[in-house]
PDB file of N, CA and C in Angstrom:
ATOM      1  N   MET A   1     -65.007 -64.294  10.861  1.00  0.00           N
ATOM      2  CA  MET A   1     -64.804 -65.409  11.757  1.00  0.00           C
ATOM      3  C   MET A   1     -65.232 -65.003  13.173  1.00  0.00           C
ATOM      4  N   SER A   2     -66.114 -65.783  13.776  1.00  0.00           N
ATOM      5  CA  SER A   2     -66.582 -65.458  15.118  1.00  0.00           C
ATOM      6  C   SER A   2     -65.638 -66.052  16.158  1.00  0.00           C
ATOM      7  N   LYS A   3     -65.626 -65.441  17.326  1.00  0.00           N
ATOM      8  CA  LYS A   3     -64.753 -65.885  18.412  1.00  0.00           C
ATOM      9  C   LYS A   3     -65.595 -66.472  19.531  1.00  0.00           C
ATOM     10  N   THR A   4     -65.021 -67.424  20.244  1.00  0.00           N
ATOM     11  CA  THR A   4     -65.685 -68.053  21.376  1.00  0.00           C
ATOM     12  C   THR A   4     -65.046 -67.543  22.660  1.00  0.00           C
ATOM     13  N   THR A   5     -65.871 -67.182  23.617  1.00  0.00           N
ATOM     14  CA  THR A   5     -65.383 -66.746  24.913  1.00  0.00           C
ATOM     15  C   THR A   5     -65.721 -67.809  25.936  1.00  0.00           C
ATOM     16  N   TYR A   6     -64.746 -68.157  26.750  1.00  0.00           N
ATOM     17  CA  TYR A   6     -64.968 -69.136  27.809  1.00  0.00           C
ATOM     18  C   TYR A   6     -64.023 -68.861  28.959  1.00  0.00           C
ATOM     19  N   LEU A   7     -64.283 -69.506  30.082  1.00  0.00           N
ATOM     20  CA  LEU A   7     -63.412 -69.408  31.239  1.00  0.00           C
ATOM     21  C   LEU A   7     -62.555 -70.658  31.314  1.00  0.00           C
ATOM     22  N   LYS A   8     -61.295 -70.506  31.696  1.00  0.00           N
ATOM     23  CA  LYS A   8     -60.401 -71.645  31.878  1.00  0.00           C
ATOM     24  C   LYS A   8     -60.014 -71.661  33.359  1.00  0.00           C
ATOM     25  N   LEU A   9     -60.364 -72.742  34.048  1.00  0.00           N
ATOM     26  CA  LEU A   9     -60.125 -72.820  35.487  1.00  0.00           C
ATOM     27  C   LEU A   9     -58.652 -72.666  35.833  1.00  0.00           C
ATOM     28  N   GLN A  10     -58.378 -71.824  36.820  1.00  0.00           N
ATOM     29  CA  GLN A  10     -57.023 -71.648  37.328  1.00  0.00           C
ATOM     30  C   GLN A  10     -56.882 -72.230  38.726  1.00  0.00           C
ATOM     31  N   GLU A  11     -57.964 -72.793  39.237  1.00  0.00           N
ATOM     32  CA  GLU A  11     -57.949 -73.530  40.499  1.00  0.00           C
ATOM     33  C   GLU A  11     -58.984 -74.641  40.366  1.00  0.00           C
ATOM     34  N   PRO A  12     -58.793 -75.758  41.059  1.00  0.00           N
ATOM     35  CA  PRO A  12     -59.796 -76.824  40.992  1.00  0.00           C
ATOM     36  C   PRO A  12     -61.122 -76.348  41.591  1.00  0.00           C
ATOM     37  N   LEU A  13     -62.221 -76.859  41.081  1.00  0.00           N
ATOM     38  CA  LEU A  13     -63.535 -76.592  41.656  1.00  0.00           C
ATOM     39  C   LEU A  13     -64.088 -77.897  42.210  1.00  0.00           C
ATOM     40  N   LEU A  14     -64.754 -77.797  43.336  1.00  0.00           N
ATOM     41  CA  LEU A  14     -65.401 -78.965  43.910  1.00  0.00           C
ATOM     42  C   LEU A  14     -66.764 -79.137  43.270  1.00  0.00           C
ATOM     43  N   LEU A  15     -67.113 -80.378  42.970  1.00  0.00           N
ATOM     44  CA  LEU A  15     -68.418 -80.692  42.413  1.00  0.00           C
ATOM     45  C   LEU A  15     -69.186 -81.494  43.439  1.00  0.00           C
ATOM     46  N   ASP A  16     -70.384 -81.056  43.724  1.00  0.00           N
ATOM     47  CA  ASP A  16     -71.245 -81.735  44.689  1.00  0.00           C
ATOM     48  C   ASP A  16     -72.284 -82.523  43.890  1.00  0.00           C
ATOM     49  N   ALA A  17     -71.844 -83.656  43.354  1.00  0.00           N
ATOM     50  CA  ALA A  17     -72.681 -84.412  42.426  1.00  0.00           C
ATOM     51  C   ALA A  17     -73.792 -85.195  43.096  1.00  0.00           C
ATOM     52  N   GLU A  18     -73.662 -85.479  44.353  1.00  0.00           N
ATOM     53  CA  GLU A  18     -74.653 -86.317  45.019  1.00  0.00           C
ATOM     54  C   GLU A  18     -75.535 -85.531  45.987  1.00  0.00           C
ATOM     55  N   GLY A  19     -75.325 -84.223  46.077  1.00  0.00           N
ATOM     56  CA  GLY A  19     -76.119 -83.428  47.006  1.00  0.00           C
ATOM     57  C   GLY A  19     -75.660 -83.570  48.447  1.00  0.00           C
ATOM     58  N   LYS A  20     -74.495 -84.174  48.643  1.00  0.00           N
ATOM     59  CA  LYS A  20     -73.937 -84.329  49.989  1.00  0.00           C
ATOM     60  C   LYS A  20     -72.732 -83.411  50.090  1.00  0.00           C
ATOM     61  N   SER A  21     -72.673 -82.565  51.092  1.00  0.00           N
ATOM     62  CA  SER A  21     -71.599 -81.586  51.185  1.00  0.00           C
ATOM     63  C   SER A  21     -70.232 -82.225  51.390  1.00  0.00           C
ATOM     64  N   GLN A  22     -70.155 -83.460  51.839  1.00  0.00           N
ATOM     65  CA  GLN A  22     -68.861 -84.096  52.069  1.00  0.00           C
ATOM     66  C   GLN A  22     -68.515 -85.130  51.003  1.00  0.00           C
ATOM     67  N   ASP A  23     -69.218 -85.176  49.894  1.00  0.00           N
ATOM     68  CA  ASP A  23     -68.952 -86.119  48.824  1.00  0.00           C
ATOM     69  C   ASP A  23     -68.374 -85.336  47.644  1.00  0.00           C
ATOM     70  N   PHE A  24     -67.076 -85.033  47.705  1.00  0.00           N
ATOM     71  CA  PHE A  24     -66.468 -84.151  46.732  1.00  0.00           C
ATOM     72  C   PHE A  24     -65.923 -84.884  45.517  1.00  0.00           C
ATOM     73  N   HIS A  25     -66.038 -84.232  44.386  1.00  0.00           N
ATOM     74  CA  HIS A  25     -65.377 -84.612  43.151  1.00  0.00           C
ATOM     75  C   HIS A  25     -64.731 -83.322  42.665  1.00  0.00           C
ATOM     76  N   VAL A  26     -63.653 -83.419  41.936  1.00  0.00           N
ATOM     77  CA  VAL A  26     -62.898 -82.222  41.578  1.00  0.00           C
ATOM     78  C   VAL A  26     -62.888 -82.025  40.075  1.00  0.00           C
ATOM     79  N   LEU A  27     -63.211 -80.800  39.648  1.00  0.00           N
ATOM     80  CA  LEU A  27     -63.068 -80.388  38.257  1.00  0.00           C
ATOM     81  C   LEU A  27     -61.668 -79.784  38.152  1.00  0.00           C
ATOM     82  N   PRO A  28     -60.792 -80.355  37.314  1.00  0.00           N
ATOM     83  CA  PRO A  28     -59.385 -79.954  37.359  1.00  0.00           C
ATOM     84  C   PRO A  28     -59.085 -78.584  36.755  1.00  0.00           C
ATOM     85  N   VAL A  29     -57.912 -78.071  37.147  1.00  0.00           N
ATOM     86  CA  VAL A  29     -57.374 -76.838  36.582  1.00  0.00           C
ATOM     87  C   VAL A  29     -57.275 -77.023  35.069  1.00  0.00           C
ATOM     88  N   GLY A  30     -57.571 -75.974  34.327  1.00  0.00           N
ATOM     89  CA  GLY A  30     -57.485 -76.023  32.873  1.00  0.00           C
ATOM     90  C   GLY A  30     -58.792 -76.387  32.183  1.00  0.00           C
ATOM     91  N   THR A  31     -59.806 -76.811  32.950  1.00  0.00           N
ATOM     92  CA  THR A  31     -61.105 -77.155  32.370  1.00  0.00           C
ATOM     93  C   THR A  31     -61.758 -75.898  31.806  1.00  0.00           C
ATOM     94  N   ALA A  32     -62.310 -76.014  30.611  1.00  0.00           N
ATOM     95  CA  ALA A  32     -63.003 -74.892  29.974  1.00  0.00           C
ATOM     96  C   ALA A  32     -64.464 -74.876  30.419  1.00  0.00           C
ATOM     97  N   LEU A  33     -64.937 -73.702  30.839  1.00  0.00           N
ATOM     98  CA  LEU A  33     -66.338 -73.503  31.231  1.00  0.00           C
ATOM     99  C   LEU A  33     -66.954 -72.494  30.270  1.00  0.00           C
ATOM    100  N   TYR A  34     -68.066 -72.875  29.673  1.00  0.00           N
ATOM    101  CA  TYR A  34     -68.771 -72.003  28.736  1.00  0.00           C
ATOM    102  C   TYR A  34     -70.038 -71.502  29.413  1.00  0.00           C
ATOM    103  N   LYS A  35     -70.171 -70.176  29.532  1.00  0.00           N
ATOM    104  CA  LYS A  35     -71.336 -69.599  30.207  1.00  0.00           C
ATOM    105  C   LYS A  35     -72.603 -69.936  29.444  1.00  0.00           C
ATOM    106  N   ASP A  36     -73.586 -70.451  30.182  1.00  0.00           N
ATOM    107  CA  ASP A  36     -74.878 -70.798  29.599  1.00  0.00           C
ATOM    108  C   ASP A  36     -75.913 -69.745  29.954  1.00  0.00           C
ATOM    109  N   ARG A  37     -76.077 -69.496  31.263  1.00  0.00           N
ATOM    110  CA  ARG A  37     -77.156 -68.595  31.694  1.00  0.00           C
ATOM    111  C   ARG A  37     -76.916 -68.101  33.114  1.00  0.00           C
ATOM    112  N   GLU A  38     -77.252 -66.836  33.367  1.00  0.00           N
ATOM    113  CA  GLU A  38     -77.229 -66.270  34.719  1.00  0.00           C
ATOM    114  C   GLU A  38     -78.644 -66.287  35.261  1.00  0.00           C
ATOM    115  N   PHE A  39     -78.777 -66.597  36.562  1.00  0.00           N
ATOM    116  CA  PHE A  39     -80.090 -66.685  37.191  1.00  0.00           C
ATOM    117  C   PHE A  39     -80.268 -65.571  38.217  1.00  0.00           C
ATOM    118  N   PRO A  40     -81.490 -65.062  38.372  1.00  0.00           N
ATOM    119  CA  PRO A  40     -81.737 -63.972  39.322  1.00  0.00           C
ATOM    120  C   PRO A  40     -81.474 -64.389  40.769  1.00  0.00           C
ATOM    121  N   GLU A  41     -81.439 -65.692  41.040  1.00  0.00           N
ATOM    122  CA  GLU A  41     -81.170 -66.170  42.401  1.00  0.00           C
ATOM    123  C   GLU A  41     -79.701 -65.999  42.792  1.00  0.00           C
ATOM    124  N   GLY A  42     -78.868 -65.589  41.837  1.00  0.00           N
ATOM    125  CA  GLY A  42     -77.480 -65.280  42.160  1.00  0.00           C
ATOM    126  C   GLY A  42     -76.462 -66.328  41.750  1.00  0.00           C
ATOM    127  N   PHE A  43     -76.803 -67.250  40.885  1.00  0.00           N
ATOM    128  CA  PHE A  43     -75.811 -68.207  40.410  1.00  0.00           C
ATOM    129  C   PHE A  43     -75.803 -68.221  38.887  1.00  0.00           C
ATOM    130  N   THR A  44     -74.731 -68.753  38.326  1.00  0.00           N
ATOM    131  CA  THR A  44     -74.564 -68.836  36.882  1.00  0.00           C
ATOM    132  C   THR A  44     -74.362 -70.294  36.495  1.00  0.00           C
ATOM    133  N   ARG A  45     -74.968 -70.718  35.402  1.00  0.00           N
ATOM    134  CA  ARG A  45     -74.820 -72.084  34.910  1.00  0.00           C
ATOM    135  C   ARG A  45     -73.799 -72.088  33.775  1.00  0.00           C
ATOM    136  N   TYR A  46     -72.878 -73.037  33.827  1.00  0.00           N
ATOM    137  CA  TYR A  46     -71.860 -73.204  32.798  1.00  0.00           C
ATOM    138  C   TYR A  46     -71.984 -74.576  32.161  1.00  0.00           C
ATOM    139  N   ILE A  47     -71.456 -74.699  30.967  1.00  0.00           N
ATOM    140  CA  ILE A  47     -71.424 -75.971  30.248  1.00  0.00           C
ATOM    141  C   ILE A  47     -69.977 -76.438  30.197  1.00  0.00           C
ATOM    142  N   VAL A  48     -69.772 -77.729  30.462  1.00  0.00           N
ATOM    143  CA  VAL A  48     -68.464 -78.367  30.322  1.00  0.00           C
ATOM    144  C   VAL A  48     -68.646 -79.504  29.320  1.00  0.00           C
ATOM    145  N   TYR A  49     -67.788 -79.567  28.318  1.00  0.00           N
ATOM    146  CA  TYR A  49     -67.864 -80.619  27.312  1.00  0.00           C
ATOM    147  C   TYR A  49     -66.878 -81.726  27.643  1.00  0.00           C
ATOM    148  N   LEU A  50     -67.313 -82.982  27.453  1.00  0.00           N
ATOM    149  CA  LEU A  50     -66.471 -84.147  27.706  1.00  0.00           C
ATOM    150  C   LEU A  50     -66.355 -84.975  26.440  1.00  0.00           C
ATOM    151  N   ASN A  51     -65.178 -85.494  26.176  1.00  0.00           N
ATOM    152  CA  ASN A  51     -64.979 -86.506  25.146  1.00  0.00           C
ATOM    153  C   ASN A  51     -64.866 -87.840  25.871  1.00  0.00           C
ATOM    154  N   ILE A  52     -65.649 -88.823  25.460  1.00  0.00           N
ATOM    155  CA  ILE A  52     -65.622 -90.137  26.084  1.00  0.00           C
ATOM    156  C   ILE A  52     -65.353 -91.158  24.988  1.00  0.00           C
ATOM    157  N   LYS A  53     -64.297 -91.980  25.175  1.00  0.00           N
ATOM    158  CA  LYS A  53     -63.869 -92.919  24.140  1.00  0.00           C
ATOM    159  C   LYS A  53     -64.579 -94.265  24.189  1.00  0.00           C
ATOM    160  N   SER A  54     -65.007 -94.688  25.344  1.00  0.00           N
ATOM    161  CA  SER A  54     -65.554 -96.041  25.441  1.00  0.00           C
ATOM    162  C   SER A  54     -66.965 -96.011  25.996  1.00  0.00           C
ATOM    163  N   GLU A  55     -67.588 -97.171  25.999  1.00  0.00           N
ATOM    164  CA  GLU A  55     -68.938 -97.275  26.548  1.00  0.00           C
ATOM    165  C   GLU A  55     -68.886 -97.088  28.062  1.00  0.00           C
ATOM    166  N   PHE A  56     -69.984 -96.619  28.628  1.00  0.00           N
ATOM    167  CA  PHE A  56     -70.064 -96.404  30.066  1.00  0.00           C
ATOM    168  C   PHE A  56     -71.483 -96.686  30.535  1.00  0.00           C
ATOM    169  N   ALA A  57     -71.614 -96.969  31.815  1.00  0.00           N
ATOM    170  CA  ALA A  57     -72.929 -97.260  32.391  1.00  0.00           C
ATOM    171  C   ALA A  57     -73.697 -95.961  32.575  1.00  0.00           C
ATOM    172  N   ALA A  58     -74.914 -95.928  32.098  1.00  0.00           N
ATOM    173  CA  ALA A  58     -75.769 -94.754  32.246  1.00  0.00           C
ATOM    174  C   ALA A  58     -77.221 -95.181  32.069  1.00  0.00           C
ATOM    175  N   GLU A  59     -78.089 -94.404  32.654  1.00  0.00           N
ATOM    176  CA  GLU A  59     -79.529 -94.647  32.524  1.00  0.00           C
ATOM    177  C   GLU A  59     -80.113 -93.562  31.634  1.00  0.00           C
ATOM    178  N   GLN A  60     -80.830 -93.942  30.604  1.00  0.00           N
ATOM    179  CA  GLN A  60     -81.472 -92.962  29.726  1.00  0.00           C
ATOM    180  C   GLN A  60     -82.771 -92.518  30.379  1.00  0.00           C
ATOM    181  N   ILE A  61     -82.953 -91.210  30.491  1.00  0.00           N
ATOM    182  CA  ILE A  61     -84.130 -90.625  31.124  1.00  0.00           C
ATOM    183  C   ILE A  61     -84.971 -89.948  30.048  1.00  0.00           C
ATOM    184  N   VAL A  62     -86.246 -90.209  30.046  1.00  0.00           N
ATOM    185  CA  VAL A  62     -87.171 -89.522  29.152  1.00  0.00           C
ATOM    186  C   VAL A  62     -88.060 -88.655  30.033  1.00  0.00           C
ATOM    187  N   SER A  63     -88.092 -87.364  29.733  1.00  0.00           N
ATOM    188  CA  SER A  63     -88.829 -86.421  30.566  1.00  0.00           C
ATOM    189  C   SER A  63     -89.965 -85.775  29.778  1.00  0.00           C
ATOM    190  N   ASP A  64     -91.040 -85.470  30.477  1.00  0.00           N
ATOM    191  CA  ASP A  64     -92.147 -84.735  29.865  1.00  0.00           C
ATOM    192  C   ASP A  64     -91.802 -83.267  29.681  1.00  0.00           C
ATOM    193  N   LYS A  65     -90.758 -82.819  30.359  1.00  0.00           N
ATOM    194  CA  LYS A  65     -90.309 -81.428  30.268  1.00  0.00           C
ATOM    195  C   LYS A  65     -89.163 -81.362  29.270  1.00  0.00           C
ATOM    196  N   PRO A  66     -89.392 -80.849  28.073  1.00  0.00           N
ATOM    197  CA  PRO A  66     -88.385 -80.897  27.015  1.00  0.00           C
ATOM    198  C   PRO A  66     -87.109 -80.112  27.317  1.00  0.00           C
ATOM    199  N   ASN A  67     -87.165 -79.105  28.156  1.00  0.00           N
ATOM    200  CA  ASN A  67     -85.991 -78.292  28.439  1.00  0.00           C
ATOM    201  C   ASN A  67     -85.434 -78.536  29.837  1.00  0.00           C
ATOM    202  N   LEU A  68     -85.736 -79.697  30.421  1.00  0.00           N
ATOM    203  CA  LEU A  68     -85.267 -79.997  31.767  1.00  0.00           C
ATOM    204  C   LEU A  68     -83.746 -80.121  31.788  1.00  0.00           C
ATOM    205  N   ILE A  69     -83.113 -79.379  32.660  1.00  0.00           N
ATOM    206  CA  ILE A  69     -81.672 -79.481  32.886  1.00  0.00           C
ATOM    207  C   ILE A  69     -81.492 -79.758  34.368  1.00  0.00           C
ATOM    208  N   ASP A  70     -80.717 -80.774  34.684  1.00  0.00           N
ATOM    209  CA  ASP A  70     -80.494 -81.183  36.074  1.00  0.00           C
ATOM    210  C   ASP A  70     -79.015 -81.002  36.406  1.00  0.00           C
ATOM    211  N   PRO A  71     -78.593 -79.766  36.707  1.00  0.00           N
ATOM    212  CA  PRO A  71     -77.159 -79.514  36.909  1.00  0.00           C
ATOM    213  C   PRO A  71     -76.673 -79.992  38.275  1.00  0.00           C
ATOM    214  N   ILE A  72     -75.363 -80.174  38.357  1.00  0.00           N
ATOM    215  CA  ILE A  72     -74.724 -80.414  39.645  1.00  0.00           C
ATOM    216  C   ILE A  72     -74.150 -79.076  40.105  1.00  0.00           C
ATOM    217  N   TRP A  73     -73.823 -78.955  41.378  1.00  0.00           N
ATOM    218  CA  TRP A  73     -73.296 -77.710  41.925  1.00  0.00           C
ATOM    219  C   TRP A  73     -71.783 -77.773  41.999  1.00  0.00           C
ATOM    220  N   GLY A  74     -71.156 -76.655  41.730  1.00  0.00           N
ATOM    221  CA  GLY A  74     -69.712 -76.526  41.859  1.00  0.00           C
ATOM    222  C   GLY A  74     -69.392 -75.311  42.705  1.00  0.00           C
ATOM    223  N   HIS A  75     -68.283 -75.387  43.426  1.00  0.00           N
ATOM    224  CA  HIS A  75     -67.850 -74.229  44.208  1.00  0.00           C
ATOM    225  C   HIS A  75     -66.356 -74.292  44.459  1.00  0.00           C
ATOM    226  N   PRO A  76     -65.733 -73.133  44.688  1.00  0.00           N
ATOM    227  CA  PRO A  76     -64.311 -73.129  45.018  1.00  0.00           C
ATOM    228  C   PRO A  76     -64.081 -73.824  46.361  1.00  0.00           C
ATOM    229  N   VAL A  77     -62.891 -74.358  46.525  1.00  0.00           N
ATOM    230  CA  VAL A  77     -62.525 -75.005  47.782  1.00  0.00           C
ATOM    231  C   VAL A  77     -62.444 -73.942  48.875  1.00  0.00           C
ATOM    232  N   GLN A  78     -63.120 -74.183  49.988  1.00  0.00           N
ATOM    233  CA  GLN A  78     -63.076 -73.280  51.138  1.00  0.00           C
ATOM    234  C   GLN A  78     -62.161 -73.860  52.211  1.00  0.00           C
ATOM    235  N   ARG A  79     -61.748 -73.032  53.137  1.00  0.00           N
ATOM    236  CA  ARG A  79     -60.836 -73.457  54.205  1.00  0.00           C
ATOM    237  C   ARG A  79     -61.370 -74.690  54.926  1.00  0.00           C
ATOM    238  N   ASP A  80     -62.657 -74.707  55.251  1.00  0.00           N
ATOM    239  CA  ASP A  80     -63.241 -75.824  55.985  1.00  0.00           C
ATOM    240  C   ASP A  80     -63.290 -77.116  55.165  1.00  0.00           C
ATOM    241  N   ASP A  81     -63.211 -77.008  53.839  1.00  0.00           N
ATOM    242  CA  ASP A  81     -63.231 -78.184  52.969  1.00  0.00           C
ATOM    243  C   ASP A  81     -61.882 -78.894  52.910  1.00  0.00           C
ATOM    244  N   LEU A  82     -60.790 -78.158  53.178  1.00  0.00           N
ATOM    245  CA  LEU A  82     -59.453 -78.693  52.925  1.00  0.00           C
ATOM    246  C   LEU A  82     -59.104 -79.981  53.666  1.00  0.00           C
ATOM    247  N   PRO A  83     -59.318 -80.091  54.966  1.00  0.00           N
ATOM    248  CA  PRO A  83     -58.927 -81.349  55.632  1.00  0.00           C
ATOM    249  C   PRO A  83     -59.618 -82.571  55.033  1.00  0.00           C
ATOM    250  N   PHE A  84     -60.911 -82.483  54.796  1.00  0.00           N
ATOM    251  CA  PHE A  84     -61.642 -83.613  54.216  1.00  0.00           C
ATOM    252  C   PHE A  84     -61.169 -83.880  52.789  1.00  0.00           C
ATOM    253  N   LEU A  85     -60.997 -82.810  52.019  1.00  0.00           N
ATOM    254  CA  LEU A  85     -60.561 -82.938  50.633  1.00  0.00           C
ATOM    255  C   LEU A  85     -59.193 -83.611  50.554  1.00  0.00           C
ATOM    256  N   MET A  86     -58.242 -83.174  51.378  1.00  0.00           N
ATOM    257  CA  MET A  86     -56.898 -83.728  51.348  1.00  0.00           C
ATOM    258  C   MET A  86     -56.882 -85.190  51.789  1.00  0.00           C
ATOM    259  N   ALA A  87     -57.777 -85.558  52.675  1.00  0.00           N
ATOM    260  CA  ALA A  87     -57.809 -86.928  53.182  1.00  0.00           C
ATOM    261  C   ALA A  87     -58.570 -87.880  52.268  1.00  0.00           C
ATOM    262  N   ASN A  88     -59.513 -87.374  51.469  1.00  0.00           N
ATOM    263  CA  ASN A  88     -60.421 -88.259  50.735  1.00  0.00           C
ATOM    264  C   ASN A  88     -60.461 -88.083  49.230  1.00  0.00           C
ATOM    265  N   THR A  89     -59.765 -87.113  48.695  1.00  0.00           N
ATOM    266  CA  THR A  89     -59.823 -86.839  47.264  1.00  0.00           C
ATOM    267  C   THR A  89     -58.400 -86.692  46.742  1.00  0.00           C
ATOM    268  N   PRO A  90     -58.083 -87.320  45.628  1.00  0.00           N
ATOM    269  CA  PRO A  90     -56.727 -87.151  45.096  1.00  0.00           C
ATOM    270  C   PRO A  90     -56.510 -85.722  44.594  1.00  0.00           C
ATOM    271  N   VAL A  91     -55.719 -84.972  45.341  1.00  0.00           N
ATOM    272  CA  VAL A  91     -55.405 -83.593  44.981  1.00  0.00           C
ATOM    273  C   VAL A  91     -53.882 -83.505  44.869  1.00  0.00           C
ATOM    274  N   SER A  92     -53.407 -83.032  43.731  1.00  0.00           N
ATOM    275  CA  SER A  92     -51.962 -82.923  43.537  1.00  0.00           C
ATOM    276  C   SER A  92     -51.402 -81.764  44.345  1.00  0.00           C
ATOM    277  N   LYS A  93     -50.093 -81.775  44.521  1.00  0.00           N
ATOM    278  CA  LYS A  93     -49.429 -80.679  45.228  1.00  0.00           C
ATOM    279  C   LYS A  93     -49.689 -79.359  44.503  1.00  0.00           C
ATOM    280  N   ASP A  94     -49.619 -79.376  43.161  1.00  0.00           N
ATOM    281  CA  ASP A  94     -49.869 -78.159  42.383  1.00  0.00           C
ATOM    282  C   ASP A  94     -51.296 -77.656  42.579  1.00  0.00           C
ATOM    283  N   ASP A  95     -52.272 -78.575  42.589  1.00  0.00           N
ATOM    284  CA  ASP A  95     -53.663 -78.172  42.821  1.00  0.00           C
ATOM    285  C   ASP A  95     -53.822 -77.564  44.202  1.00  0.00           C
ATOM    286  N   LEU A  96     -53.187 -78.172  45.198  1.00  0.00           N
ATOM    287  CA  LEU A  96     -53.277 -77.657  46.555  1.00  0.00           C
ATOM    288  C   LEU A  96     -52.696 -76.250  46.645  1.00  0.00           C
ATOM    289  N   VAL A  97     -51.567 -76.017  46.002  1.00  0.00           N
ATOM    290  CA  VAL A  97     -50.955 -74.682  45.988  1.00  0.00           C
ATOM    291  C   VAL A  97     -51.902 -73.681  45.323  1.00  0.00           C
ATOM    292  N   ARG A  98     -52.529 -74.067  44.215  1.00  0.00           N
ATOM    293  CA  ARG A  98     -53.472 -73.168  43.529  1.00  0.00           C
ATOM    294  C   ARG A  98     -54.670 -72.842  44.420  1.00  0.00           C
ATOM    295  N   ILE A  99     -55.165 -73.843  45.130  1.00  0.00           N
ATOM    296  CA  ILE A  99     -56.301 -73.630  46.044  1.00  0.00           C
ATOM    297  C   ILE A  99     -55.908 -72.639  47.136  1.00  0.00           C
ATOM    298  N   LEU A 100     -54.768 -72.864  47.744  1.00  0.00           N
ATOM    299  CA  LEU A 100     -54.324 -71.997  48.838  1.00  0.00           C
ATOM    300  C   LEU A 100     -54.109 -70.567  48.367  1.00  0.00           C
ATOM    301  N   LYS A 101     -53.512 -70.404  47.185  1.00  0.00           N
ATOM    302  CA  LYS A 101     -53.286 -69.058  46.652  1.00  0.00           C
ATOM    303  C   LYS A 101     -54.609 -68.380  46.288  1.00  0.00           C
ATOM    304  N   ALA A 102     -55.535 -69.132  45.685  1.00  0.00           N
ATOM    305  CA  ALA A 102     -56.820 -68.556  45.277  1.00  0.00           C
ATOM    306  C   ALA A 102     -57.626 -68.105  46.491  1.00  0.00           C
ATOM    307  N   ARG A 103     -57.507 -68.810  47.589  1.00  0.00           N
ATOM    308  CA  ARG A 103     -58.238 -68.457  48.820  1.00  0.00           C
ATOM    309  C   ARG A 103     -57.460 -67.447  49.649  1.00  0.00           C
ATOM    310  N   LYS A 104     -56.262 -67.054  49.170  1.00  0.00           N
ATOM    311  CA  LYS A 104     -55.416 -66.090  49.864  1.00  0.00           C
ATOM    312  C   LYS A 104     -55.173 -66.519  51.311  1.00  0.00           C
ATOM    313  N   MET A 105     -54.864 -67.798  51.491  1.00  0.00           N
ATOM    314  CA  MET A 105     -54.617 -68.341  52.814  1.00  0.00           C
ATOM    315  C   MET A 105     -53.185 -68.024  53.231  1.00  0.00           C
ATOM    316  N   THR A 106     -53.018 -67.712  54.502  1.00  0.00           N
ATOM    317  CA  THR A 106     -51.697 -67.415  55.031  1.00  0.00           C
ATOM    318  C   THR A 106     -51.027 -68.705  55.489  1.00  0.00           C
ATOM    319  N   ARG A 107     -49.746 -68.626  55.794  1.00  0.00           N
ATOM    320  CA  ARG A 107     -49.030 -69.788  56.330  1.00  0.00           C
ATOM    321  C   ARG A 107     -49.616 -70.195  57.669  1.00  0.00           C
ATOM    322  N   GLU A 108     -50.075 -69.203  58.409  1.00  0.00           N
ATOM    323  CA  GLU A 108     -50.717 -69.499  59.694  1.00  0.00           C
ATOM    324  C   GLU A 108     -52.007 -70.298  59.481  1.00  0.00           C
ATOM    325  N   ASP A 109     -52.802 -69.920  58.459  1.00  0.00           N
ATOM    326  CA  ASP A 109     -54.016 -70.682  58.133  1.00  0.00           C
ATOM    327  C   ASP A 109     -53.659 -72.123  57.778  1.00  0.00           C
ATOM    328  N   LEU A 110     -52.628 -72.279  56.940  1.00  0.00           N
ATOM    329  CA  LEU A 110     -52.210 -73.617  56.524  1.00  0.00           C
ATOM    330  C   LEU A 110     -51.715 -74.432  57.718  1.00  0.00           C
ATOM    331  N   ALA A 111     -50.943 -73.802  58.605  1.00  0.00           N
ATOM    332  CA  ALA A 111     -50.456 -74.501  59.798  1.00  0.00           C
ATOM    333  C   ALA A 111     -51.631 -74.974  60.659  1.00  0.00           C
ATOM    334  N   GLN A 112     -52.656 -74.159  60.775  1.00  0.00           N
ATOM    335  CA  GLN A 112     -53.841 -74.538  61.551  1.00  0.00           C
ATOM    336  C   GLN A 112     -54.547 -75.740  60.918  1.00  0.00           C
ATOM    337  N   ILE A 113     -54.643 -75.736  59.594  1.00  0.00           N
ATOM    338  CA  ILE A 113     -55.277 -76.848  58.885  1.00  0.00           C
ATOM    339  C   ILE A 113     -54.498 -78.136  59.125  1.00  0.00           C
ATOM    340  N   VAL A 114     -53.168 -78.047  59.026  1.00  0.00           N
ATOM    341  CA  VAL A 114     -52.326 -79.233  59.229  1.00  0.00           C
ATOM    342  C   VAL A 114     -52.466 -79.744  60.660  1.00  0.00           C
ATOM    343  N   ARG A 115     -52.529 -78.834  61.638  1.00  0.00           N
ATOM    344  CA  ARG A 115     -52.714 -79.256  63.052  1.00  0.00           C
ATOM    345  C   ARG A 115     -54.038 -79.972  63.245  1.00  0.00           C
ATOM    346  N   GLU A 116     -55.082 -79.536  62.535  1.00  0.00           N
ATOM    347  CA  GLU A 116     -56.412 -80.130  62.679  1.00  0.00           C
ATOM    348  C   GLU A 116     -56.596 -81.385  61.824  1.00  0.00           C
ATOM    349  N   TRP A 117     -55.655 -81.663  60.916  1.00  0.00           N
ATOM    350  CA  TRP A 117     -55.765 -82.771  59.985  1.00  0.00           C
ATOM    351  C   TRP A 117     -55.707 -84.098  60.718  1.00  0.00           C
ATOM    352  N   LYS A 118     -56.747 -84.884  60.546  1.00  0.00           N
ATOM    353  CA  LYS A 118     -56.820 -86.209  61.164  1.00  0.00           C
ATOM    354  C   LYS A 118     -56.296 -87.215  60.165  1.00  0.00           C
ATOM    355  N   GLU A 119     -55.321 -88.017  60.584  1.00  0.00           N
ATOM    356  CA  GLU A 119     -54.747 -89.012  59.677  1.00  0.00           C
ATOM    357  C   GLU A 119     -55.445 -90.332  59.821  1.00  0.00           C
TER     358      GLU A 119
END
């Protein structure tokens, strides 16, 4: 019997689906990431599987390049992302705690973020 190795997120990851640094979407804690390929440019591509129950709007693309993959970018939440993320993206208290712990932020860092937070 063969075994499958994958990563299970312990902190939310931001997804930059539109190529805009301030247009965040969040991949939740517990999501399984399956390593696809490492690139010499210094990044790694992962596969995430989705189950979808109903029909959804999508455009079918036919490409002349049979192996074309058009990935979106993901990255851990950084200190500078937090004010915008907290104001514009639904992030649970538990997710916020995981983000802060993963970034090893101090209470002083958090206090500074709260002071800078625009309501």
